[in-house]
Amino acid sequence: MTTLLILAVLVLGLMAVLRLSRVYELTATLRGKREEMISDRDNRMNARLMWLFPFFYFGFFIWLTLHYKDKLLPVAASEHGEWLDRMYDINWAILLAAFFLTNTLLFYFSGKYYFRKDRWAYYYPHNNKWELAWTIVPSVVLIGIIIYGLTVWNRITTAAVPGTPEVELYGKQFDWTARYPGKDGRLGATDFRLINDNNPLGIVTPASIATRLEELKAEEEAGGKQLAEEHDYLPPDRKHELEEHIAHIRRVRSRILNLRTLMEQDIAAKKAAGQESQYSFGADDIVVKEFHLPVGQDVELLIRSRDIIHSAYLPHMRAQMNAVPGMTTRMHLKPTITTDSMRLVTKNPAFDFILLCNKICGASHYNMQMALVVEPEGAYRAWLAQQKGFQTAEAATPAAAPSDSTKTTASADTNATAAVNEPKTH
């Protein structure tokens, strides 16, 4: 009710001002004063107001800044976030100096050199020295800002030190998944063709390949059975659609078989050279819907997307990187404030760092977020130790049997694929 009364008073006050201005216009007309004719008294009054207004103008600006300072950027919680904030503050200092200087001169000259009938403006069309000065000075300032910005940018984007721990962030509509290395300390290889309900990131292991081949084989057999049983009853377009689907499954199976061959050859070659293959690290990878980082340690973030372009955005870390389908983007950062410490800084016991998607990626884009927990190294290690590896549950089940069964059908799959008259792969 109070808000409604305040609004009514404001509206009535505005209407009163409008009516008074109309009365003033009518009285001026009755006195024979034309609207375009401005008296010396009016000019002097406007000039004095030009000198009075800056006190309210600058005062209101300063009040807004102080009153809403807690609504500005939150405290930087990463090492390079502090560099960016320092650069941000320097830019603000330059802008504020220019803002106060130019506006002070604007109001001063407007008040001092108001129109007088007995005085004419001095004709001063050009001055090379002044032109040179206000061209060179801003240019030097801008060059300095650019050089400083490039220096900070190079510090942020420089390659991480070899051996820096890696964490993968995997985005899809509309959530994030995190992947951590297991006991071997390395992330395994991935392939999108292996994605299923139990392998949402497509991690490549002998067991995941065998499982995916069995799934595709069952799906192909089900499609073939449906086509055989309903061949005489299906409309031509539906029959063609089903044939294309079976052909697509055969293509995918053929490529997964090629991937398996490549994996086996790479493992054998690396083993002969006394090295470990990238395909040997995936079984113990930790795939979770939680995001934890150790404080005070540099971490390399590997960012991928399943479907469309997303953007991994950590506002308190001043970190952002696009997640692009078909490629892995990288950024590294060093958190400097734990979640518990930030709760004390913000005086908010429910505070959490947050990972957001900063690309408008669909209807639930606003909900694509995941909490980030920054904690001491000991707590981080303890949390990792509690997590299960990607194929812990399958460890007791030997993968050799399904793998061998798919090997025996490899040549048959290849011949069947060649026999199908299918369109080119896009």
Protein backbone atom coordinates (compact mmCIF):
# COMPACT_ATOMS: atom_id res chain seq x y z
CA MET A 1 0.00 0.00 0.00
CA THR A 2 2.87 2.36 0.84
CA THR A 3 4.47 1.72 -2.54
CA LEU A 4 1.18 2.53 -4.28
CA LEU A 5 0.87 5.82 -2.38
CA ILE A 6 4.45 6.82 -3.24
CA LEU A 7 3.80 6.04 -6.89
CA ALA A 8 0.60 8.11 -6.83
CA VAL A 9 2.44 11.08 -5.27
CA LEU A 10 5.15 10.91 -7.92
CA VAL A 11 2.61 10.80 -10.74
CA LEU A 12 0.66 13.74 -9.27
CA GLY A 13 3.90 15.71 -8.79
CA LEU A 14 4.85 15.13 -12.42
CA MET A 15 1.40 16.25 -13.57
CA ALA A 16 1.72 19.42 -11.43
CA VAL A 17 5.09 20.27 -12.95
CA LEU A 18 3.71 19.79 -16.45
CA ARG A 19 0.74 22.06 -15.70
CA LEU A 20 3.01 24.75 -14.20
CA SER A 21 5.20 24.70 -17.26
CA ARG A 22 2.10 25.13 -19.41
CA VAL A 23 1.00 28.10 -17.26
CA TYR A 24 4.45 29.65 -17.70
CA GLU A 25 4.19 29.28 -21.49
CA LEU A 26 0.75 30.93 -21.53
CA THR A 27 1.86 33.88 -19.37
CA ALA A 28 4.92 34.37 -21.58
CA THR A 29 2.65 34.47 -24.62
CA LEU A 30 0.39 37.05 -22.96
CA ARG A 31 3.44 39.22 -22.23
CA GLY A 32 4.34 39.06 -25.92
CA LYS A 33 7.47 37.03 -25.29
CA ARG A 34 8.40 34.67 -28.09
CA GLU A 35 9.63 31.19 -27.22
CA GLU A 36 12.91 31.52 -29.12
CA MET A 37 13.78 34.78 -27.38
CA ILE A 38 15.95 34.15 -24.28
CA SER A 39 16.75 37.01 -21.92
CA ASP A 40 20.14 37.72 -20.35
CA ARG A 41 18.62 36.85 -17.00
CA ASP A 42 17.68 33.37 -18.24
CA ASN A 43 21.16 32.88 -19.68
CA ARG A 44 22.81 33.88 -16.40
CA MET A 45 20.53 31.58 -14.45
CA ASN A 46 21.34 28.64 -16.75
CA ALA A 47 25.05 29.41 -16.46
CA ARG A 48 24.90 29.35 -12.65
CA LEU A 49 22.96 26.11 -12.78
CA MET A 50 25.70 24.68 -14.99
CA TRP A 51 28.15 25.34 -12.15
CA LEU A 52 25.77 23.98 -9.53
CA PHE A 53 24.71 20.80 -11.32
CA PRO A 54 28.17 19.04 -11.24
CA PHE A 55 28.00 18.83 -7.42
CA PHE A 56 24.80 16.76 -7.69
CA TYR A 57 26.03 14.90 -10.78
CA PHE A 58 29.38 13.80 -9.35
CA GLY A 59 27.92 13.33 -5.88
CA PHE A 60 25.25 10.97 -7.19
CA PHE A 61 27.84 9.05 -9.21
CA ILE A 62 30.09 8.60 -6.16
CA TRP A 63 27.13 7.58 -4.00
CA LEU A 64 26.04 4.93 -6.52
CA THR A 65 29.57 3.52 -6.66
CA LEU A 66 29.90 3.29 -2.88
CA HIS A 67 26.35 2.08 -2.28
CA TYR A 68 26.51 -0.74 -4.84
CA LYS A 69 30.18 -1.69 -4.55
CA ASP A 70 29.21 -5.07 -3.08
CA LYS A 71 27.18 -5.75 -6.24
CA LEU A 72 30.24 -5.39 -8.48
CA LEU A 73 32.62 -8.25 -9.33
CA PRO A 74 33.06 -10.78 -6.52
CA VAL A 75 36.48 -11.31 -4.97
CA ALA A 76 38.83 -13.07 -7.40
CA ALA A 77 39.53 -16.61 -6.20
CA SER A 78 42.30 -17.59 -8.62
CA GLU A 79 45.81 -16.42 -9.34
CA HIS A 80 45.12 -15.09 -12.80
CA GLY A 81 41.84 -13.62 -11.54
CA GLU A 82 43.93 -11.26 -9.41
CA TRP A 83 45.93 -10.23 -12.50
CA LEU A 84 42.72 -9.50 -14.40
CA ASP A 85 41.25 -7.51 -11.53
CA ARG A 86 44.41 -5.39 -11.32
CA MET A 87 44.18 -4.66 -15.05
CA TYR A 88 40.48 -3.92 -14.61
CA ASP A 89 41.22 -1.44 -11.80
CA ILE A 90 43.87 0.35 -13.87
CA ASN A 91 41.41 0.74 -16.74
CA TRP A 92 38.79 2.10 -14.33
CA ALA A 93 41.30 4.61 -12.93
CA ILE A 94 42.02 5.92 -16.44
CA LEU A 95 38.32 6.09 -17.30
CA LEU A 96 37.41 7.89 -14.08
CA ALA A 97 40.18 10.44 -14.54
CA ALA A 98 38.97 11.16 -18.08
CA PHE A 99 35.33 11.21 -16.89
CA PHE A 100 35.86 13.77 -14.11
CA LEU A 101 38.24 15.94 -16.17
CA THR A 102 36.13 16.17 -19.32
CA ASN A 103 32.85 16.72 -17.46
CA THR A 104 34.37 19.36 -15.18
CA LEU A 105 35.63 21.27 -18.22
CA LEU A 106 32.27 20.82 -19.94
CA PHE A 107 30.28 22.38 -17.09
CA TYR A 108 32.89 25.07 -16.40
CA PHE A 109 33.04 26.37 -19.97
CA SER A 110 29.26 26.11 -20.36
CA GLY A 111 28.79 28.32 -17.29
CA LYS A 112 31.59 30.80 -18.03
CA TYR A 113 30.98 31.44 -21.71
CA TYR A 114 27.19 31.70 -21.84
CA PHE A 115 25.66 33.88 -24.53
CA ARG A 116 25.82 37.69 -24.15
CA LYS A 117 24.52 40.11 -26.73
CA ASP A 118 27.58 42.35 -26.49
CA ARG A 119 30.14 39.56 -26.86
CA TRP A 120 31.05 37.39 -29.80
CA ALA A 121 32.92 34.08 -29.78
CA TYR A 122 36.51 34.17 -30.94
CA TYR A 123 36.87 32.44 -34.32
CA TYR A 124 39.41 29.67 -33.69
CA PRO A 125 38.98 27.00 -36.37
CA HIS A 126 42.23 25.03 -36.10
CA ASN A 127 45.42 24.51 -34.11
CA ASN A 128 47.96 21.91 -35.21
CA LYS A 129 49.64 21.67 -31.81
CA TRP A 130 46.38 20.93 -29.98
CA GLU A 131 45.32 18.48 -32.68
CA LEU A 132 48.65 16.68 -32.32
CA ALA A 133 48.42 16.68 -28.52
CA TRP A 134 44.94 15.15 -28.23
CA THR A 135 45.82 12.59 -30.88
CA ILE A 136 49.16 11.49 -29.44
CA VAL A 137 48.22 11.43 -25.73
CA PRO A 138 45.20 9.08 -26.09
CA SER A 139 47.21 6.93 -28.53
CA VAL A 140 50.05 6.55 -26.03
CA VAL A 141 47.59 5.67 -23.25
CA LEU A 142 45.82 3.10 -25.45
CA ILE A 143 49.12 1.55 -26.55
CA GLY A 144 50.12 1.22 -22.90
CA ILE A 145 46.79 -0.45 -22.05
CA ILE A 146 47.13 -2.85 -24.99
CA ILE A 147 50.71 -3.82 -24.08
CA TYR A 148 49.70 -4.39 -20.46
CA GLY A 149 46.67 -6.42 -21.55
CA LEU A 150 48.77 -8.60 -23.87
CA THR A 151 51.24 -9.20 -21.05
CA VAL A 152 48.45 -10.42 -18.77
CA TRP A 153 46.93 -12.47 -21.59
CA ASN A 154 50.24 -14.21 -22.28
CA ARG A 155 50.62 -15.05 -18.59
CA ILE A 156 47.15 -16.58 -18.55
CA THR A 157 47.36 -18.54 -21.82
CA THR A 158 50.91 -19.82 -21.48
CA ALA A 159 51.17 -23.62 -21.59
CA ALA A 160 50.87 -25.38 -18.27
CA VAL A 161 53.98 -26.89 -16.73
CA PRO A 162 54.42 -30.55 -17.81
CA GLY A 163 52.95 -32.84 -15.20
CA THR A 164 50.19 -30.43 -14.19
CA PRO A 165 47.15 -32.44 -12.99
CA GLU A 166 44.34 -32.66 -15.53
CA VAL A 167 40.59 -32.51 -14.97
CA GLU A 168 38.05 -32.82 -17.77
CA LEU A 169 34.79 -30.89 -17.95
CA TYR A 170 32.27 -32.44 -20.33
CA GLY A 171 29.22 -30.42 -21.34
CA LYS A 172 25.97 -31.44 -22.95
CA GLN A 173 22.44 -30.13 -22.93
CA PHE A 174 21.98 -29.32 -20.09
CA ASP A 175 24.55 -30.47 -17.54
CA TRP A 176 28.24 -30.88 -16.79
CA THR A 177 30.22 -34.02 -16.01
CA ALA A 178 33.71 -34.01 -14.50
CA ARG A 179 36.41 -36.66 -15.15
CA TYR A 180 39.50 -37.14 -12.99
CA PRO A 181 42.51 -39.41 -13.56
CA GLY A 182 42.60 -42.59 -11.51
CA LYS A 183 45.61 -44.04 -9.71
CA ASP A 184 47.68 -43.97 -12.92
CA GLY A 185 47.42 -40.15 -12.95
CA ARG A 186 46.43 -40.01 -16.64
CA LEU A 187 43.13 -39.52 -18.43
CA GLY A 188 42.24 -42.23 -20.93
CA ALA A 189 41.36 -41.80 -24.61
CA THR A 190 37.74 -41.17 -25.67
CA ASP A 191 35.62 -41.78 -28.75
CA PHE A 192 32.07 -40.49 -29.21
CA ARG A 193 30.98 -43.77 -30.88
CA LEU A 194 31.35 -45.56 -27.55
CA ILE A 195 28.89 -43.30 -25.70
CA ASN A 196 26.06 -45.17 -24.03
CA ASP A 197 24.21 -45.09 -20.71
CA ASN A 198 27.13 -46.64 -18.82
CA ASN A 199 29.82 -44.69 -20.68
CA PRO A 200 28.53 -41.11 -21.07
CA LEU A 201 31.96 -39.74 -22.03
CA GLY A 202 32.90 -42.47 -24.53
CA ILE A 203 36.02 -43.64 -22.66
CA VAL A 204 38.00 -46.17 -24.71
CA THR A 205 38.84 -49.46 -23.00
CA PRO A 206 38.72 -53.07 -24.26
CA ALA A 207 35.63 -53.66 -22.12
CA SER A 208 33.80 -50.53 -23.33
CA ILE A 209 34.52 -51.44 -26.96
CA ALA A 210 33.27 -54.98 -26.47
CA THR A 211 30.13 -53.77 -24.70
CA ARG A 212 29.35 -51.24 -27.41
CA LEU A 213 29.87 -53.80 -30.18
CA GLU A 214 27.48 -56.21 -28.47
CA GLU A 215 24.89 -53.44 -28.13
CA LEU A 216 25.15 -52.51 -31.79
CA LYS A 217 25.04 -56.15 -32.85
CA ALA A 218 21.83 -56.67 -30.86
CA GLU A 219 20.36 -53.50 -32.32
CA GLU A 220 21.26 -54.59 -35.85
CA GLU A 221 19.73 -58.03 -35.34
CA ALA A 222 16.54 -56.48 -33.97
CA GLY A 223 16.30 -54.18 -36.98
CA GLY A 224 16.97 -57.04 -39.40
CA LYS A 225 14.34 -59.19 -37.72
CA GLN A 226 11.75 -56.41 -37.94
CA LEU A 227 12.59 -55.84 -41.60
CA ALA A 228 12.28 -59.55 -42.40
CA GLU A 229 8.99 -60.01 -40.53
CA GLU A 230 7.29 -56.82 -41.74
CA HIS A 231 8.86 -56.52 -45.19
CA ASP A 232 5.61 -57.07 -47.07
CA TYR A 233 3.60 -54.70 -44.87
CA LEU A 234 5.90 -51.70 -44.44
CA PRO A 235 5.35 -48.58 -46.59
CA PRO A 236 8.29 -47.86 -48.92
CA ASP A 237 9.51 -44.83 -47.00
CA ARG A 238 9.47 -46.69 -43.66
CA LYS A 239 11.23 -49.69 -45.28
CA HIS A 240 13.92 -47.39 -46.68
CA GLU A 241 14.33 -45.69 -43.29
CA LEU A 242 14.82 -49.04 -41.56
CA GLU A 243 17.34 -50.20 -44.17
CA GLU A 244 19.30 -46.95 -43.73
CA HIS A 245 19.28 -47.42 -39.97
CA ILE A 246 20.69 -50.95 -40.26
CA ALA A 247 23.34 -49.71 -42.71
CA HIS A 248 24.29 -46.94 -40.28
CA ILE A 249 24.68 -49.45 -37.43
CA ARG A 250 26.97 -51.56 -39.63
CA ARG A 251 29.09 -48.55 -40.46
CA VAL A 252 29.45 -47.64 -36.80
CA ARG A 253 30.33 -51.23 -35.88
CA SER A 254 32.91 -51.34 -38.64
CA ARG A 255 34.59 -48.17 -37.35
CA ILE A 256 34.57 -49.40 -33.77
CA LEU A 257 36.24 -52.60 -34.98
CA ASN A 258 38.87 -50.42 -36.65
CA LEU A 259 39.25 -48.50 -33.38
CA ARG A 260 39.76 -51.77 -31.51
CA THR A 261 42.44 -52.83 -33.97
CA LEU A 262 44.16 -49.46 -33.62
CA MET A 263 43.98 -49.71 -29.82
CA GLU A 264 45.47 -53.21 -29.76
CA GLN A 265 48.26 -52.23 -32.14
CA ASP A 266 49.10 -49.09 -30.16
CA ILE A 267 49.14 -50.98 -26.84
CA ALA A 268 51.44 -53.64 -28.33
CA ALA A 269 53.78 -51.09 -29.93
CA LYS A 270 54.05 -48.98 -26.77
CA LYS A 271 54.59 -52.06 -24.63
CA ALA A 272 57.45 -53.19 -26.91
CA ALA A 273 59.00 -49.73 -26.53
CA GLY A 274 58.64 -49.81 -22.76
CA GLN A 275 55.89 -47.16 -22.77
CA GLU A 276 52.20 -47.03 -21.91
CA SER A 277 49.49 -46.44 -24.49
CA GLN A 278 46.87 -43.72 -24.07
CA TYR A 279 44.32 -46.55 -24.32
CA SER A 280 45.61 -48.08 -21.07
CA PHE A 281 44.54 -45.27 -18.76
CA GLY A 282 40.77 -45.12 -19.10
CA ALA A 283 39.56 -47.99 -16.91
CA ASP A 284 40.30 -46.23 -13.60
CA ASP A 285 39.15 -42.74 -14.67
CA ILE A 286 36.75 -41.17 -12.20
CA VAL A 287 33.53 -39.89 -13.81
CA VAL A 288 31.39 -37.86 -11.42
CA LYS A 289 28.76 -35.15 -11.25
CA GLU A 290 30.87 -33.24 -8.74
CA PHE A 291 33.62 -30.69 -9.33
CA HIS A 292 36.46 -30.39 -6.81
CA LEU A 293 39.80 -28.57 -7.09
CA PRO A 294 42.72 -28.24 -4.66
CA VAL A 295 43.59 -24.75 -3.43
CA GLY A 296 47.00 -23.32 -4.31
CA GLN A 297 47.71 -25.84 -7.10
CA ASP A 298 47.76 -25.25 -10.84
CA VAL A 299 45.22 -27.46 -12.63
CA GLU A 300 44.79 -28.01 -16.37
CA LEU A 301 41.12 -28.08 -17.41
CA LEU A 302 40.25 -30.08 -20.54
CA ILE A 303 36.87 -29.01 -21.91
CA ARG A 304 34.70 -30.97 -24.35
CA SER A 305 31.12 -30.91 -25.61
CA ARG A 306 28.87 -33.71 -26.82
CA ASP A 307 26.31 -31.74 -28.81
CA ILE A 308 26.63 -27.98 -29.42
CA ILE A 309 28.93 -25.14 -28.36
CA HIS A 310 28.83 -24.50 -24.63
CA SER A 311 31.09 -22.30 -22.53
CA ALA A 312 32.67 -23.31 -19.22
CA TYR A 313 32.49 -20.16 -17.09
CA LEU A 314 33.81 -19.82 -13.53
CA PRO A 315 33.01 -16.20 -12.57
CA HIS A 316 34.87 -16.20 -9.24
CA MET A 317 37.94 -17.65 -10.97
CA ARG A 318 37.70 -15.15 -13.85
CA ALA A 319 37.94 -18.15 -16.18
CA GLN A 320 35.98 -18.96 -19.32
CA MET A 321 36.56 -21.29 -22.25
CA ASN A 322 34.32 -22.53 -25.06
CA ALA A 323 33.35 -26.20 -25.16
CA VAL A 324 33.35 -27.13 -28.86
CA PRO A 325 32.05 -30.45 -30.27
CA GLY A 326 34.79 -32.52 -31.89
CA MET A 327 37.73 -30.86 -30.14
CA THR A 328 39.27 -30.40 -26.71
CA THR A 329 39.93 -26.86 -25.48
CA ARG A 330 42.19 -26.16 -22.52
CA MET A 331 42.77 -23.63 -19.79
CA HIS A 332 44.71 -23.81 -16.56
CA LEU A 333 44.11 -21.99 -13.31
CA LYS A 334 45.26 -21.95 -9.71
CA PRO A 335 42.51 -21.46 -7.10
CA THR A 336 43.65 -19.26 -4.21
CA ILE A 337 40.62 -19.24 -1.88
CA THR A 338 38.82 -22.29 -0.52
CA THR A 339 35.05 -22.55 -0.47
CA ASP A 340 35.00 -22.31 3.33
CA SER A 341 37.17 -19.17 3.30
CA MET A 342 34.98 -17.59 0.63
CA ARG A 343 31.95 -18.17 2.81
CA LEU A 344 33.62 -16.07 5.48
CA VAL A 345 34.61 -13.39 2.96
CA THR A 346 31.09 -13.13 1.56
CA LYS A 347 29.46 -13.65 4.99
CA ASN A 348 27.24 -16.23 3.29
CA PRO A 349 27.34 -19.71 4.86
CA ALA A 350 25.55 -21.16 1.82
CA PHE A 351 28.06 -19.77 -0.70
CA ASP A 352 29.42 -22.09 -3.41
CA PHE A 353 31.71 -21.46 -6.34
CA ILE A 354 29.81 -22.31 -9.50
CA LEU A 355 30.49 -23.58 -13.00
CA LEU A 356 28.08 -22.05 -15.52
CA CYS A 357 27.44 -22.36 -19.24
CA ASN A 358 27.95 -18.90 -20.75
CA LYS A 359 26.55 -19.74 -24.18
CA ILE A 360 22.80 -19.66 -24.79
CA CYS A 361 22.53 -23.37 -25.60
CA GLY A 362 18.80 -24.05 -25.41
CA ALA A 363 15.67 -23.86 -23.29
CA SER A 364 17.36 -25.03 -20.06
CA HIS A 365 20.59 -23.07 -20.56
CA TYR A 366 19.96 -21.19 -17.31
CA ASN A 367 20.01 -24.48 -15.40
CA MET A 368 23.31 -25.79 -16.83
CA GLN A 369 25.49 -25.34 -13.79
CA MET A 370 27.52 -27.32 -11.27
CA ALA A 371 28.92 -26.35 -7.87
CA LEU A 372 32.71 -26.17 -7.51
CA VAL A 373 34.32 -27.13 -4.21
CA VAL A 374 37.79 -25.65 -3.62
CA GLU A 375 39.46 -27.33 -0.65
CA PRO A 376 42.89 -28.02 0.86
CA GLU A 377 44.98 -30.68 -0.86
CA GLY A 378 44.45 -33.22 1.93
CA ALA A 379 40.66 -32.96 1.72
CA TYR A 380 40.85 -33.07 -2.08
CA ARG A 381 42.94 -36.27 -2.03
CA ALA A 382 40.58 -37.83 0.51
CA TRP A 383 37.60 -37.02 -1.72
CA LEU A 384 39.32 -38.54 -4.77
CA ALA A 385 40.15 -41.70 -2.83
CA GLN A 386 36.46 -42.21 -2.08
CA GLN A 387 35.47 -42.16 -5.76
CA LYS A 388 35.17 -45.32 -7.83
CA GLY A 389 36.89 -45.81 -11.15
CA PHE A 390 34.99 -45.90 -14.44
CA GLN A 391 35.04 -49.71 -14.73
CA THR A 392 35.38 -50.75 -11.10
CA ALA A 393 32.08 -52.58 -11.23
CA GLU A 394 33.10 -54.40 -14.41
CA ALA A 395 36.58 -55.30 -13.13
CA ALA A 396 35.41 -58.67 -11.89
CA THR A 397 33.94 -59.52 -15.30
CA PRO A 398 36.61 -60.55 -17.84
CA ALA A 399 36.36 -58.61 -21.08
CA ALA A 400 38.08 -61.29 -23.15
CA ALA A 401 34.98 -63.32 -23.86
CA PRO A 402 32.87 -60.58 -25.48
CA SER A 403 35.96 -59.23 -27.19
CA ASP A 404 36.73 -62.60 -28.77
CA SER A 405 33.14 -63.04 -29.88
CA THR A 406 33.25 -59.76 -31.75
CA LYS A 407 36.60 -60.62 -33.29
CA THR A 408 35.16 -63.78 -34.82
CA THR A 409 32.47 -61.74 -36.52
CA ALA A 410 34.80 -58.96 -37.69
CA SER A 411 35.28 -60.33 -41.20
CA ALA A 412 31.59 -61.12 -41.50
CA ASP A 413 30.72 -57.57 -40.41
CA THR A 414 33.11 -56.14 -42.99
CA ASN A 415 31.67 -58.29 -45.78
CA ALA A 416 28.12 -57.43 -44.73
CA THR A 417 28.96 -53.75 -44.72
CA ALA A 418 30.46 -53.95 -48.19
CA ALA A 419 27.41 -55.82 -49.47
CA VAL A 420 24.97 -53.13 -48.34
CA ASN A 421 24.31 -50.43 -50.89
CA GLU A 422 24.53 -47.46 -48.51
CA PRO A 423 25.15 -43.70 -49.03
CA LYS A 424 28.48 -42.04 -48.23
CA THR A 425 29.22 -41.16 -44.65
CA HIS A 426 28.85 -37.50 -43.82
